[in-house]
């Protein structure tokens, strides 16, 4: 969860700050994000997604990519 996506990606990729689980997998690439109206809602959603199996997380990412692709074709 962050209030500044660009800053957070920079922390991971250039200053090597952030979650220990990501340190061995640099550089990281943002493939999915959601916006929420409150920090509490964002944290609840983050915890929910972290509890999912990898296959369910990949399905969420793939669905979002498909929606983005469809939107680009309509534009």
PDB file of N, CA and C in Angstrom:
ATOM      1  N   UNK A   1       0.847  -1.163   0.000  1.00  0.00           N
ATOM      2  CA  UNK A   1       0.000   0.000   0.000  1.00  0.00           C
ATOM      3  C   UNK A   1       0.895   1.229   0.000  1.00  0.00           C
ATOM      4  N   UNK A   2       0.567   2.176  -0.860  1.00  0.00           N
ATOM      5  CA  UNK A   2       1.331   3.410  -0.930  1.00  0.00           C
ATOM      6  C   UNK A   2       0.427   4.554  -1.375  1.00  0.00           C
ATOM      7  N   UNK A   3       0.853   5.757  -1.093  1.00  0.00           N
ATOM      8  CA  UNK A   3       0.140   6.929  -1.588  1.00  0.00           C
ATOM      9  C   UNK A   3       0.856   7.512  -2.804  1.00  0.00           C
ATOM     10  N   UNK A   4       2.014   6.944  -3.168  1.00  0.00           N
ATOM     11  CA  UNK A   4       2.816   7.446  -4.287  1.00  0.00           C
ATOM     12  C   UNK A   4       3.473   6.268  -5.010  1.00  0.00           C
ATOM     13  N   UNK A   5       2.835   5.794  -6.069  1.00  0.00           N
ATOM     14  CA  UNK A   5       3.303   4.600  -6.782  1.00  0.00           C
ATOM     15  C   UNK A   5       4.703   4.801  -7.367  1.00  0.00           C
ATOM     16  N   UNK A   6       4.953   5.943  -8.003  1.00  0.00           N
ATOM     17  CA  UNK A   6       6.269   6.183  -8.602  1.00  0.00           C
ATOM     18  C   UNK A   6       7.377   6.134  -7.555  1.00  0.00           C
ATOM     19  N   UNK A   7       7.135   6.759  -6.403  1.00  0.00           N
ATOM     20  CA  UNK A   7       8.132   6.749  -5.329  1.00  0.00           C
ATOM     21  C   UNK A   7       8.389   5.329  -4.848  1.00  0.00           C
ATOM     22  N   UNK A   8       7.327   4.559  -4.699  1.00  0.00           N
ATOM     23  CA  UNK A   8       7.458   3.185  -4.195  1.00  0.00           C
ATOM     24  C   UNK A   8       8.251   2.321  -5.163  1.00  0.00           C
ATOM     25  N   UNK A   9       7.996   2.445  -6.455  1.00  0.00           N
ATOM     26  CA  UNK A   9       8.767   1.681  -7.437  1.00  0.00           C
ATOM     27  C   UNK A   9      10.238   2.085  -7.411  1.00  0.00           C
ATOM     28  N   UNK A  10      10.496   3.369  -7.259  1.00  0.00           N
ATOM     29  CA  UNK A  10      11.871   3.850  -7.163  1.00  0.00           C
ATOM     30  C   UNK A  10      12.558   3.260  -5.932  1.00  0.00           C
ATOM     31  N   UNK A  11      11.844   3.222  -4.826  1.00  0.00           N
ATOM     32  CA  UNK A  11      12.414   2.633  -3.611  1.00  0.00           C
ATOM     33  C   UNK A  11      12.839   1.189  -3.852  1.00  0.00           C
ATOM     34  N   UNK A  12      12.011   0.440  -4.545  1.00  0.00           N
ATOM     35  CA  UNK A  12      12.335  -0.962  -4.819  1.00  0.00           C
ATOM     36  C   UNK A  12      13.495  -1.097  -5.797  1.00  0.00           C
ATOM     37  N   UNK A  13      13.464  -0.325  -6.869  1.00  0.00           N
ATOM     38  CA  UNK A  13      14.402  -0.543  -7.966  1.00  0.00           C
ATOM     39  C   UNK A  13      15.722   0.198  -7.870  1.00  0.00           C
ATOM     40  N   UNK A  14      15.745   1.387  -7.294  1.00  0.00           N
ATOM     41  CA  UNK A  14      16.994   2.140  -7.287  1.00  0.00           C
ATOM     42  C   UNK A  14      17.639   2.214  -5.914  1.00  0.00           C
ATOM     43  N   UNK A  15      16.868   2.509  -4.918  1.00  0.00           N
ATOM     44  CA  UNK A  15      17.465   2.606  -3.589  1.00  0.00           C
ATOM     45  C   UNK A  15      17.465   1.260  -2.878  1.00  0.00           C
ATOM     46  N   UNK A  16      16.870   0.263  -3.506  1.00  0.00           N
ATOM     47  CA  UNK A  16      16.811  -1.094  -2.983  1.00  0.00           C
ATOM     48  C   UNK A  16      16.133  -1.164  -1.611  1.00  0.00           C
ATOM     49  N   UNK A  17      15.206  -0.236  -1.375  1.00  0.00           N
ATOM     50  CA  UNK A  17      14.418  -0.249  -0.151  1.00  0.00           C
ATOM     51  C   UNK A  17      13.096  -0.946  -0.425  1.00  0.00           C
ATOM     52  N   UNK A  18      12.510  -1.502   0.592  1.00  0.00           N
ATOM     53  CA  UNK A  18      11.208  -2.127   0.443  1.00  0.00           C
ATOM     54  C   UNK A  18      11.199  -3.528   1.016  1.00  0.00           C
ATOM     55  N   UNK A  19      10.234  -4.303   0.629  1.00  0.00           N
ATOM     56  CA  UNK A  19      10.045  -5.640   1.174  1.00  0.00           C
ATOM     57  C   UNK A  19      11.241  -6.543   0.891  1.00  0.00           C
ATOM     58  N   UNK A  20      11.647  -7.305   1.893  1.00  0.00           N
ATOM     59  CA  UNK A  20      12.778  -8.223   1.737  1.00  0.00           C
ATOM     60  C   UNK A  20      12.491  -9.284   0.679  1.00  0.00           C
ATOM     61  N   UNK A  21      11.232  -9.670   0.533  1.00  0.00           N
ATOM     62  CA  UNK A  21      10.875 -10.712  -0.432  1.00  0.00           C
ATOM     63  C   UNK A  21      11.115 -10.279  -1.870  1.00  0.00           C
ATOM     64  N   UNK A  22      11.224  -8.983  -2.113  1.00  0.00           N
ATOM     65  CA  UNK A  22      11.411  -8.459  -3.468  1.00  0.00           C
ATOM     66  C   UNK A  22      12.884  -8.226  -3.789  1.00  0.00           C
ATOM     67  N   UNK A  23      13.721  -8.097  -2.777  1.00  0.00           N
ATOM     68  CA  UNK A  23      15.120  -7.724  -2.991  1.00  0.00           C
ATOM     69  C   UNK A  23      15.850  -8.628  -3.975  1.00  0.00           C
ATOM     70  N   UNK A  24      15.573  -9.900  -4.001  1.00  0.00           N
ATOM     71  CA  UNK A  24      16.241 -10.818  -4.916  1.00  0.00           C
ATOM     72  C   UNK A  24      15.589 -10.902  -6.288  1.00  0.00           C
ATOM     73  N   UNK A  25      14.570 -10.100  -6.532  1.00  0.00           N
ATOM     74  CA  UNK A  25      13.793 -10.184  -7.775  1.00  0.00           C
ATOM     75  C   UNK A  25      13.771  -8.848  -8.506  1.00  0.00           C
ATOM     76  N   UNK A  26      14.846  -8.077  -8.403  1.00  0.00           N
ATOM     77  CA  UNK A  26      14.893  -6.751  -9.027  1.00  0.00           C
ATOM     78  C   UNK A  26      15.275  -6.853 -10.487  1.00  0.00           C
ATOM     79  N   UNK A  27      14.834  -5.966 -11.341  1.00  0.00           N
ATOM     80  CA  UNK A  27      13.926  -4.866 -11.031  1.00  0.00           C
ATOM     81  C   UNK A  27      12.472  -5.340 -10.987  1.00  0.00           C
ATOM     82  N   UNK A  28      11.682  -4.664 -10.190  1.00  0.00           N
ATOM     83  CA  UNK A  28      10.253  -4.978 -10.130  1.00  0.00           C
ATOM     84  C   UNK A  28       9.517  -4.151 -11.171  1.00  0.00           C
ATOM     85  N   UNK A  29       8.370  -4.656 -11.593  1.00  0.00           N
ATOM     86  CA  UNK A  29       7.544  -3.990 -12.600  1.00  0.00           C
ATOM     87  C   UNK A  29       6.108  -3.977 -12.074  1.00  0.00           C
ATOM     88  N   UNK A  30       5.464  -2.836 -12.146  1.00  0.00           N
ATOM     89  CA  UNK A  30       4.079  -2.718 -11.692  1.00  0.00           C
ATOM     90  C   UNK A  30       3.164  -3.328 -12.744  1.00  0.00           C
ATOM     91  N   UNK A  31       2.389  -4.327 -12.349  1.00  0.00           N
ATOM     92  CA  UNK A  31       1.473  -4.974 -13.291  1.00  0.00           C
ATOM     93  C   UNK A  31       0.015  -4.798 -12.899  1.00  0.00           C
ATOM     94  N   UNK A  32      -0.233  -4.303 -11.686  1.00  0.00           N
ATOM     95  CA  UNK A  32      -1.610  -4.152 -11.237  1.00  0.00           C
ATOM     96  C   UNK A  32      -1.649  -3.184 -10.055  1.00  0.00           C
ATOM     97  N   UNK A  33      -2.683  -2.353 -10.002  1.00  0.00           N
ATOM     98  CA  UNK A  33      -2.906  -1.519  -8.826  1.00  0.00           C
ATOM     99  C   UNK A  33      -4.374  -1.173  -8.746  1.00  0.00           C
ATOM    100  N   UNK A  34      -4.796  -0.805  -7.559  1.00  0.00           N
ATOM    101  CA  UNK A  34      -6.157  -0.348  -7.306  1.00  0.00           C
ATOM    102  C   UNK A  34      -6.083   0.941  -6.513  1.00  0.00           C
ATOM    103  N   UNK A  35      -7.052   1.798  -6.694  1.00  0.00           N
ATOM    104  CA  UNK A  35      -7.163   3.004  -5.880  1.00  0.00           C
ATOM    105  C   UNK A  35      -8.340   2.828  -4.928  1.00  0.00           C
ATOM    106  N   UNK A  36      -8.148   3.297  -3.690  1.00  0.00           N
ATOM    107  CA  UNK A  36      -9.194   3.207  -2.677  1.00  0.00           C
ATOM    108  C   UNK A  36      -9.385   4.569  -2.018  1.00  0.00           C
ATOM    109  N   UNK A  37     -10.556   4.788  -1.485  1.00  0.00           N
ATOM    110  CA  UNK A  37     -10.879   6.089  -0.897  1.00  0.00           C
ATOM    111  C   UNK A  37     -10.275   6.291   0.487  1.00  0.00           C
ATOM    112  N   UNK A  38      -9.863   5.213   1.136  1.00  0.00           N
ATOM    113  CA  UNK A  38      -9.266   5.362   2.466  1.00  0.00           C
ATOM    114  C   UNK A  38      -8.113   4.370   2.626  1.00  0.00           C
ATOM    115  N   UNK A  39      -7.219   4.695   3.540  1.00  0.00           N
ATOM    116  CA  UNK A  39      -6.099   3.804   3.828  1.00  0.00           C
ATOM    117  C   UNK A  39      -6.608   2.482   4.388  1.00  0.00           C
ATOM    118  N   UNK A  40      -7.624   2.552   5.211  1.00  0.00           N
ATOM    119  CA  UNK A  40      -8.199   1.338   5.791  1.00  0.00           C
ATOM    120  C   UNK A  40      -8.723   0.385   4.736  1.00  0.00           C
ATOM    121  N   UNK A  41      -9.441   0.924   3.757  1.00  0.00           N
ATOM    122  CA  UNK A  41      -9.956   0.085   2.670  1.00  0.00           C
ATOM    123  C   UNK A  41      -8.813  -0.524   1.868  1.00  0.00           C
ATOM    124  N   UNK A  42      -7.781   0.268   1.624  1.00  0.00           N
ATOM    125  CA  UNK A  42      -6.627  -0.217   0.851  1.00  0.00           C
ATOM    126  C   UNK A  42      -5.911  -1.343   1.601  1.00  0.00           C
ATOM    127  N   UNK A  43      -5.725  -1.178   2.896  1.00  0.00           N
ATOM    128  CA  UNK A  43      -5.058  -2.211   3.692  1.00  0.00           C
ATOM    129  C   UNK A  43      -5.872  -3.500   3.744  1.00  0.00           C
ATOM    130  N   UNK A  44      -7.187  -3.378   3.877  1.00  0.00           N
ATOM    131  CA  UNK A  44      -8.051  -4.565   3.877  1.00  0.00           C
ATOM    132  C   UNK A  44      -7.922  -5.320   2.563  1.00  0.00           C
ATOM    133  N   UNK A  45      -7.919  -4.569   1.448  1.00  0.00           N
ATOM    134  CA  UNK A  45      -7.809  -5.207   0.137  1.00  0.00           C
ATOM    135  C   UNK A  45      -6.440  -5.855  -0.041  1.00  0.00           C
ATOM    136  N   UNK A  46      -5.384  -5.188   0.422  1.00  0.00           N
ATOM    137  CA  UNK A  46      -4.040  -5.748   0.313  1.00  0.00           C
ATOM    138  C   UNK A  46      -3.946  -7.069   1.076  1.00  0.00           C
ATOM    139  N   UNK A  47      -4.473  -7.092   2.283  1.00  0.00           N
ATOM    140  CA  UNK A  47      -4.453  -8.313   3.089  1.00  0.00           C
ATOM    141  C   UNK A  47      -5.249  -9.414   2.406  1.00  0.00           C
ATOM    142  N   UNK A  48      -6.397  -9.040   1.832  1.00  0.00           N
ATOM    143  CA  UNK A  48      -7.221 -10.024   1.121  1.00  0.00           C
ATOM    144  C   UNK A  48      -6.435 -10.651  -0.028  1.00  0.00           C
ATOM    145  N   UNK A  49      -5.823  -9.831  -0.867  1.00  0.00           N
ATOM    146  CA  UNK A  49      -5.099 -10.331  -2.036  1.00  0.00           C
ATOM    147  C   UNK A  49      -3.876 -11.145  -1.615  1.00  0.00           C
ATOM    148  N   UNK A  50      -3.173 -10.706  -0.590  1.00  0.00           N
ATOM    149  CA  UNK A  50      -1.995 -11.456  -0.120  1.00  0.00           C
ATOM    150  C   UNK A  50      -2.369 -12.858   0.351  1.00  0.00           C
ATOM    151  N   UNK A  51      -3.611 -13.046   0.773  1.00  0.00           N
ATOM    152  CA  UNK A  51      -4.067 -14.354   1.230  1.00  0.00           C
ATOM    153  C   UNK A  51      -4.457 -15.298   0.103  1.00  0.00           C
ATOM    154  N   UNK A  52      -4.540 -14.794  -1.112  1.00  0.00           N
ATOM    155  CA  UNK A  52      -4.937 -15.612  -2.256  1.00  0.00           C
ATOM    156  C   UNK A  52      -3.800 -16.505  -2.728  1.00  0.00           C
ATOM    157  N   UNK A  53      -4.177 -17.567  -3.404  1.00  0.00           N
ATOM    158  CA  UNK A  53      -3.200 -18.428  -4.082  1.00  0.00           C
ATOM    159  C   UNK A  53      -2.623 -17.672  -5.282  1.00  0.00           C
ATOM    160  N   UNK A  54      -1.419 -18.054  -5.688  1.00  0.00           N
ATOM    161  CA  UNK A  54      -0.758 -17.405  -6.821  1.00  0.00           C
ATOM    162  C   UNK A  54      -1.638 -17.424  -8.066  1.00  0.00           C
ATOM    163  N   UNK A  55      -2.323 -18.529  -8.314  1.00  0.00           N
ATOM    164  CA  UNK A  55      -3.161 -18.643  -9.511  1.00  0.00           C
ATOM    165  C   UNK A  55      -4.276 -17.597  -9.517  1.00  0.00           C
ATOM    166  N   UNK A  56      -4.851 -17.334  -8.370  1.00  0.00           N
ATOM    167  CA  UNK A  56      -5.921 -16.332  -8.278  1.00  0.00           C
ATOM    168  C   UNK A  56      -5.359 -14.926  -8.495  1.00  0.00           C
ATOM    169  N   UNK A  57      -4.152 -14.658  -7.973  1.00  0.00           N
ATOM    170  CA  UNK A  57      -3.504 -13.361  -8.186  1.00  0.00           C
ATOM    171  C   UNK A  57      -3.200 -13.160  -9.671  1.00  0.00           C
ATOM    172  N   UNK A  58      -2.709 -14.196 -10.325  1.00  0.00           N
ATOM    173  CA  UNK A  58      -2.411 -14.092 -11.758  1.00  0.00           C
ATOM    174  C   UNK A  58      -3.674 -13.861 -12.573  1.00  0.00           C
ATOM    175  N   UNK A  59      -4.773 -14.487 -12.177  1.00  0.00           N
ATOM    176  CA  UNK A  59      -6.055 -14.270 -12.860  1.00  0.00           C
ATOM    177  C   UNK A  59      -6.503 -12.817 -12.716  1.00  0.00           C
ATOM    178  N   UNK A  60      -6.318 -12.242 -11.542  1.00  0.00           N
ATOM    179  CA  UNK A  60      -6.668 -10.837 -11.313  1.00  0.00           C
ATOM    180  C   UNK A  60      -5.848  -9.937 -12.248  1.00  0.00           C
ATOM    181  N   UNK A  61      -4.551 -10.184 -12.329  1.00  0.00           N
ATOM    182  CA  UNK A  61      -3.672  -9.404 -13.205  1.00  0.00           C
ATOM    183  C   UNK A  61      -4.078  -9.573 -14.665  1.00  0.00           C
ATOM    184  N   UNK A  62      -4.316 -10.806 -15.080  1.00  0.00           N
ATOM    185  CA  UNK A  62      -4.677 -11.062 -16.480  1.00  0.00           C
ATOM    186  C   UNK A  62      -6.011 -10.429 -16.852  1.00  0.00           C
ATOM    187  N   UNK A  63      -6.974 -10.456 -15.943  1.00  0.00           N
ATOM    188  CA  UNK A  63      -8.262  -9.802 -16.203  1.00  0.00           C
ATOM    189  C   UNK A  63      -8.079  -8.296 -16.383  1.00  0.00           C
ATOM    190  N   UNK A  64      -7.245  -7.695 -15.535  1.00  0.00           N
ATOM    191  CA  UNK A  64      -6.996  -6.252 -15.632  1.00  0.00           C
ATOM    192  C   UNK A  64      -6.307  -5.914 -16.947  1.00  0.00           C
ATOM    193  N   UNK A  65      -5.339  -6.735 -17.357  1.00  0.00           N
ATOM    194  CA  UNK A  65      -4.642  -6.503 -18.619  1.00  0.00           C
ATOM    195  C   UNK A  65      -5.596  -6.628 -19.814  1.00  0.00           C
ATOM    196  N   UNK A  66      -6.500  -7.593 -19.747  1.00  0.00           N
ATOM    197  CA  UNK A  66      -7.472  -7.775 -20.811  1.00  0.00           C
ATOM    198  C   UNK A  66      -8.406  -6.573 -20.926  1.00  0.00           C
ATOM    199  N   UNK A  67      -8.834  -6.039 -19.784  1.00  0.00           N
ATOM    200  CA  UNK A  67      -9.688  -4.854 -19.786  1.00  0.00           C
ATOM    201  C   UNK A  67      -8.953  -3.652 -20.377  1.00  0.00           C
ATOM    202  N   UNK A  68      -7.683  -3.476 -20.023  1.00  0.00           N
ATOM    203  CA  UNK A  68      -6.894  -2.383 -20.556  1.00  0.00           C
ATOM    204  C   UNK A  68      -6.714  -2.516 -22.064  1.00  0.00           C
ATOM    205  N   UNK A  69      -6.482  -3.725 -22.518  1.00  0.00           N
ATOM    206  CA  UNK A  69      -6.301  -3.969 -23.942  1.00  0.00           C
ATOM    207  C   UNK A  69      -7.583  -3.672 -24.717  1.00  0.00           C
ATOM    208  N   UNK A  70      -8.721  -4.091 -24.157  1.00  0.00           N
ATOM    209  CA  UNK A  70     -10.001  -3.827 -24.801  1.00  0.00           C
ATOM    210  C   UNK A  70     -10.286  -2.326 -24.863  1.00  0.00           C
ATOM    211  N   UNK A  71      -9.948  -1.618 -23.800  1.00  0.00           N
ATOM    212  CA  UNK A  71     -10.163  -0.169 -23.771  1.00  0.00           C
ATOM    213  C   UNK A  71      -9.298   0.540 -24.817  1.00  0.00           C
ATOM    214  N   UNK A  72      -8.076   0.064 -24.994  1.00  0.00           N
ATOM    215  CA  UNK A  72      -7.181   0.680 -25.998  1.00  0.00           C
ATOM    216  C   UNK A  72      -7.723   0.451 -27.405  1.00  0.00           C
ATOM    217  N   UNK A  73      -8.320  -0.711 -27.656  1.00  0.00           N
ATOM    218  CA  UNK A  73      -8.868  -1.002 -28.980  1.00  0.00           C
ATOM    219  C   UNK A  73     -10.072  -0.128 -29.293  1.00  0.00           C
ATOM    220  N   UNK A  74     -10.848   0.221 -28.236  1.00  0.00           N
ATOM    221  CA  UNK A  74     -12.028   1.068 -28.444  1.00  0.00           C
ATOM    222  C   UNK A  74     -11.637   2.524 -28.675  1.00  0.00           C
ATOM    223  N   UNK A  75     -10.487   2.920 -28.146  1.00  0.00           N
ATOM    224  CA  UNK A  75     -10.060   4.322 -28.237  1.00  0.00           C
ATOM    225  C   UNK A  75      -9.541   4.701 -29.608  1.00  0.00           C
TER     226      UNK A  75
END
